[in-house]
Amino acid sequence: MKASEATRRPGDVTELRAMVASRTVRLPRQLEQVARKALARPEVVAFGSARSVAIACSVSPTTVTRLATVLGFESFRDFKTFFQQHLRSLPLS
């Protein structure tokens, strides 16, 4: 599936990780870069802004927002909430 086609929003981070790893959704280099950073360090998205995520990934804030919509989220806020919920579901160490 190309990034320009509609993608169903993943149900959880495991599903998102599988989508990116299996190339279910083909992402341009910069979008994949942001997706991989988000999966490796979910707190960057959960507690950041589109601008702070963009800085961490060396891309523009528009690229971060575009990734969210390409992955099936309504907005960056929806993407951020997704990662906040993921972090809440993790067991405390």
N, C-alpha and C. Protein backbone atom coordinates (compact mmCIF):
# COMPACT_ATOMS: atom_id res chain seq x y z
N MET A 1 0.84 -1.18 0.00
CA MET A 1 0.00 0.00 0.00
C MET A 1 0.88 1.24 0.00
N LYS A 2 0.57 2.20 -0.80
CA LYS A 2 1.33 3.43 -0.85
C LYS A 2 0.88 4.38 0.24
N ALA A 3 1.78 5.29 0.62
CA ALA A 3 1.48 6.24 1.69
C ALA A 3 0.28 7.12 1.35
N SER A 4 0.03 7.34 0.08
CA SER A 4 -1.07 8.22 -0.32
C SER A 4 -2.44 7.54 -0.21
N GLU A 5 -2.47 6.23 -0.10
CA GLU A 5 -3.73 5.51 0.02
C GLU A 5 -4.18 5.49 1.48
N ALA A 6 -5.47 5.36 1.68
CA ALA A 6 -6.02 5.35 3.04
C ALA A 6 -5.51 4.13 3.80
N THR A 7 -5.09 4.35 5.02
CA THR A 7 -4.60 3.29 5.88
C THR A 7 -5.49 3.23 7.11
N ARG A 8 -5.79 2.01 7.54
CA ARG A 8 -6.57 1.84 8.76
C ARG A 8 -5.66 2.10 9.95
N ARG A 9 -6.16 2.87 10.88
CA ARG A 9 -5.40 3.22 12.08
C ARG A 9 -5.05 1.95 12.85
N PRO A 10 -3.79 1.80 13.27
CA PRO A 10 -3.42 0.61 14.05
C PRO A 10 -4.11 0.61 15.40
N GLY A 11 -4.39 -0.57 15.91
CA GLY A 11 -5.06 -0.69 17.20
C GLY A 11 -4.14 -0.49 18.38
N ASP A 12 -2.87 -0.84 18.19
CA ASP A 12 -1.89 -0.67 19.26
C ASP A 12 -0.50 -0.54 18.65
N VAL A 13 0.48 -0.32 19.52
CA VAL A 13 1.85 -0.10 19.06
C VAL A 13 2.42 -1.36 18.40
N THR A 14 2.04 -2.52 18.89
CA THR A 14 2.51 -3.77 18.28
C THR A 14 2.06 -3.85 16.83
N GLU A 15 0.81 -3.49 16.58
CA GLU A 15 0.29 -3.50 15.22
C GLU A 15 0.99 -2.44 14.36
N LEU A 16 1.25 -1.27 14.92
CA LEU A 16 1.97 -0.23 14.19
C LEU A 16 3.38 -0.70 13.85
N ARG A 17 4.04 -1.33 14.82
CA ARG A 17 5.40 -1.85 14.59
C ARG A 17 5.39 -2.87 13.45
N ALA A 18 4.39 -3.74 13.44
CA ALA A 18 4.28 -4.75 12.40
C ALA A 18 4.03 -4.11 11.03
N MET A 19 3.20 -3.08 11.00
CA MET A 19 2.92 -2.37 9.74
C MET A 19 4.20 -1.79 9.15
N VAL A 20 5.00 -1.15 10.00
CA VAL A 20 6.24 -0.52 9.53
C VAL A 20 7.26 -1.59 9.15
N ALA A 21 7.42 -2.60 9.99
CA ALA A 21 8.42 -3.65 9.73
C ALA A 21 8.10 -4.46 8.49
N SER A 22 6.83 -4.77 8.28
CA SER A 22 6.47 -5.61 7.13
C SER A 22 6.24 -4.80 5.86
N ARG A 23 6.35 -3.50 6.00
CA ARG A 23 6.13 -2.59 4.87
C ARG A 23 4.70 -2.70 4.33
N THR A 24 3.75 -2.97 5.24
CA THR A 24 2.34 -2.97 4.86
C THR A 24 1.98 -1.62 4.29
N VAL A 25 2.55 -0.59 4.89
CA VAL A 25 2.40 0.76 4.38
C VAL A 25 3.81 1.21 3.97
N ARG A 26 3.94 1.64 2.73
CA ARG A 26 5.25 2.09 2.24
C ARG A 26 5.38 3.57 2.53
N LEU A 27 6.40 3.89 3.32
CA LEU A 27 6.60 5.26 3.73
C LEU A 27 7.83 5.85 3.05
N PRO A 28 7.74 7.10 2.60
CA PRO A 28 8.94 7.79 2.13
C PRO A 28 9.97 7.84 3.26
N ARG A 29 11.21 8.03 2.92
CA ARG A 29 12.33 7.97 3.87
C ARG A 29 12.09 8.81 5.13
N GLN A 30 11.69 10.07 4.99
CA GLN A 30 11.51 10.92 6.16
C GLN A 30 10.36 10.46 7.06
N LEU A 31 9.28 9.99 6.45
CA LEU A 31 8.16 9.49 7.25
C LEU A 31 8.57 8.22 8.00
N GLU A 32 9.31 7.36 7.34
CA GLU A 32 9.77 6.13 8.00
C GLU A 32 10.72 6.47 9.14
N GLN A 33 11.54 7.48 8.94
CA GLN A 33 12.48 7.93 9.97
C GLN A 33 11.71 8.35 11.23
N VAL A 34 10.64 9.10 11.07
CA VAL A 34 9.82 9.53 12.21
C VAL A 34 9.11 8.33 12.84
N ALA A 35 8.58 7.44 12.02
CA ALA A 35 7.88 6.26 12.53
C ALA A 35 8.83 5.40 13.37
N ARG A 36 10.02 5.19 12.89
CA ARG A 36 10.99 4.36 13.62
C ARG A 36 11.41 5.01 14.94
N LYS A 37 11.56 6.33 14.94
CA LYS A 37 11.89 7.04 16.18
C LYS A 37 10.74 6.93 17.17
N ALA A 38 9.52 7.08 16.69
CA ALA A 38 8.34 6.99 17.55
C ALA A 38 8.23 5.60 18.18
N LEU A 39 8.54 4.57 17.41
CA LEU A 39 8.47 3.21 17.93
C LEU A 39 9.62 2.92 18.90
N ALA A 40 10.78 3.47 18.63
CA ALA A 40 11.93 3.23 19.50
C ALA A 40 11.83 4.03 20.80
N ARG A 41 11.26 5.23 20.70
CA ARG A 41 11.15 6.11 21.87
C ARG A 41 9.76 6.74 21.91
N PRO A 42 8.74 5.96 22.29
CA PRO A 42 7.36 6.45 22.25
C PRO A 42 7.13 7.69 23.11
N GLU A 43 7.95 7.90 24.13
CA GLU A 43 7.79 9.08 24.98
C GLU A 43 8.05 10.38 24.22
N VAL A 44 8.83 10.31 23.16
CA VAL A 44 9.11 11.50 22.34
C VAL A 44 7.81 12.03 21.75
N VAL A 45 6.96 11.13 21.28
CA VAL A 45 5.66 11.54 20.72
C VAL A 45 4.66 11.79 21.84
N ALA A 46 4.59 10.90 22.82
CA ALA A 46 3.59 10.99 23.88
C ALA A 46 3.67 12.30 24.66
N PHE A 47 4.86 12.81 24.85
CA PHE A 47 5.03 14.00 25.68
C PHE A 47 5.54 15.20 24.89
N GLY A 48 5.60 15.07 23.58
CA GLY A 48 6.13 16.16 22.77
C GLY A 48 5.08 16.83 21.92
N SER A 49 5.53 17.82 21.20
CA SER A 49 4.70 18.50 20.22
C SER A 49 5.17 18.06 18.84
N ALA A 50 4.41 18.39 17.83
CA ALA A 50 4.84 18.06 16.46
C ALA A 50 6.21 18.69 16.20
N ARG A 51 6.41 19.88 16.71
CA ARG A 51 7.69 20.57 16.51
C ARG A 51 8.83 19.86 17.23
N SER A 52 8.63 19.46 18.48
CA SER A 52 9.70 18.79 19.22
C SER A 52 10.03 17.42 18.62
N VAL A 53 9.02 16.71 18.15
CA VAL A 53 9.25 15.42 17.47
C VAL A 53 10.03 15.66 16.19
N ALA A 54 9.65 16.70 15.46
CA ALA A 54 10.34 17.04 14.21
C ALA A 54 11.81 17.34 14.47
N ILE A 55 12.09 18.09 15.51
CA ILE A 55 13.47 18.42 15.84
C ILE A 55 14.25 17.15 16.19
N ALA A 56 13.63 16.26 16.96
CA ALA A 56 14.29 15.01 17.36
C ALA A 56 14.59 14.12 16.15
N CYS A 57 13.78 14.28 15.09
CA CYS A 57 13.92 13.43 13.90
C CYS A 57 14.59 14.15 12.73
N SER A 58 14.94 15.41 12.91
CA SER A 58 15.55 16.22 11.85
C SER A 58 14.67 16.32 10.62
N VAL A 59 13.38 16.55 10.86
CA VAL A 59 12.42 16.74 9.77
C VAL A 59 11.57 17.97 10.11
N SER A 60 10.63 18.30 9.25
CA SER A 60 9.75 19.43 9.52
C SER A 60 8.53 18.97 10.33
N PRO A 61 7.89 19.90 11.05
CA PRO A 61 6.66 19.54 11.76
C PRO A 61 5.57 19.03 10.82
N THR A 62 5.56 19.52 9.60
CA THR A 62 4.59 19.06 8.60
C THR A 62 4.79 17.57 8.32
N THR A 63 6.03 17.12 8.30
CA THR A 63 6.34 15.71 8.06
C THR A 63 5.77 14.85 9.19
N VAL A 64 5.89 15.33 10.41
CA VAL A 64 5.37 14.59 11.56
C VAL A 64 3.85 14.48 11.47
N THR A 65 3.21 15.57 11.16
CA THR A 65 1.75 15.58 11.01
C THR A 65 1.32 14.69 9.85
N ARG A 66 2.06 14.74 8.76
CA ARG A 66 1.75 13.91 7.60
C ARG A 66 1.84 12.43 7.95
N LEU A 67 2.86 12.04 8.73
CA LEU A 67 2.98 10.65 9.14
C LEU A 67 1.74 10.20 9.90
N ALA A 68 1.29 11.02 10.82
CA ALA A 68 0.11 10.67 11.61
C ALA A 68 -1.09 10.39 10.70
N THR A 69 -1.33 11.24 9.72
CA THR A 69 -2.49 11.05 8.86
C THR A 69 -2.29 9.88 7.90
N VAL A 70 -1.07 9.68 7.43
CA VAL A 70 -0.79 8.55 6.54
C VAL A 70 -1.02 7.22 7.27
N LEU A 71 -0.76 7.20 8.57
CA LEU A 71 -0.94 5.97 9.35
C LEU A 71 -2.38 5.77 9.81
N GLY A 72 -3.27 6.68 9.43
CA GLY A 72 -4.68 6.50 9.72
C GLY A 72 -5.19 7.29 10.92
N PHE A 73 -4.36 8.12 11.50
CA PHE A 73 -4.78 8.95 12.63
C PHE A 73 -5.44 10.21 12.09
N GLU A 74 -6.37 10.77 12.88
CA GLU A 74 -7.07 11.97 12.43
C GLU A 74 -6.18 13.21 12.47
N SER A 75 -5.22 13.22 13.39
CA SER A 75 -4.37 14.39 13.58
C SER A 75 -3.13 13.98 14.38
N PHE A 76 -2.21 14.93 14.54
CA PHE A 76 -1.05 14.67 15.40
C PHE A 76 -1.53 14.43 16.83
N ARG A 77 -2.54 15.16 17.26
CA ARG A 77 -3.08 14.99 18.62
C ARG A 77 -3.56 13.55 18.84
N ASP A 78 -4.23 12.98 17.84
CA ASP A 78 -4.71 11.59 17.91
C ASP A 78 -3.51 10.64 17.98
N PHE A 79 -2.47 10.91 17.20
CA PHE A 79 -1.23 10.13 17.19
C PHE A 79 -0.57 10.19 18.57
N LYS A 80 -0.50 11.38 19.13
CA LYS A 80 0.10 11.59 20.44
C LYS A 80 -0.68 10.83 21.52
N THR A 81 -1.99 10.90 21.48
CA THR A 81 -2.84 10.18 22.44
C THR A 81 -2.63 8.68 22.34
N PHE A 82 -2.46 8.17 21.13
CA PHE A 82 -2.18 6.76 20.89
C PHE A 82 -0.93 6.33 21.67
N PHE A 83 0.13 7.13 21.61
CA PHE A 83 1.37 6.80 22.31
C PHE A 83 1.24 7.01 23.82
N GLN A 84 0.45 7.98 24.24
CA GLN A 84 0.21 8.16 25.67
C GLN A 84 -0.50 6.92 26.23
N GLN A 85 -1.51 6.44 25.52
CA GLN A 85 -2.23 5.24 25.96
C GLN A 85 -1.30 4.03 26.00
N HIS A 86 -0.41 3.95 25.02
CA HIS A 86 0.56 2.85 25.01
C HIS A 86 1.43 2.89 26.26
N LEU A 87 1.95 4.06 26.58
CA LEU A 87 2.82 4.16 27.76
C LEU A 87 2.06 3.87 29.05
N ARG A 88 0.79 4.26 29.13
CA ARG A 88 -0.03 3.96 30.30
C ARG A 88 -0.25 2.46 30.46
N SER A 89 -0.26 1.73 29.37
CA SER A 89 -0.53 0.29 29.42
C SER A 89 0.70 -0.53 29.83
N LEU A 90 1.86 0.08 29.82
CA LEU A 90 3.08 -0.66 30.17
C LEU A 90 3.15 -0.88 31.68
N PRO A 91 3.65 -2.05 32.08
CA PRO A 91 3.79 -2.30 33.53
C PRO A 91 4.86 -1.38 34.12
N LEU A 92 4.66 -0.96 35.36
CA LEU A 92 5.65 -0.13 36.02
C LEU A 92 6.86 -0.98 36.38
N SER A 93 8.03 -0.40 36.21
CA SER A 93 9.26 -1.15 36.51
C SER A 93 9.67 -0.97 37.94
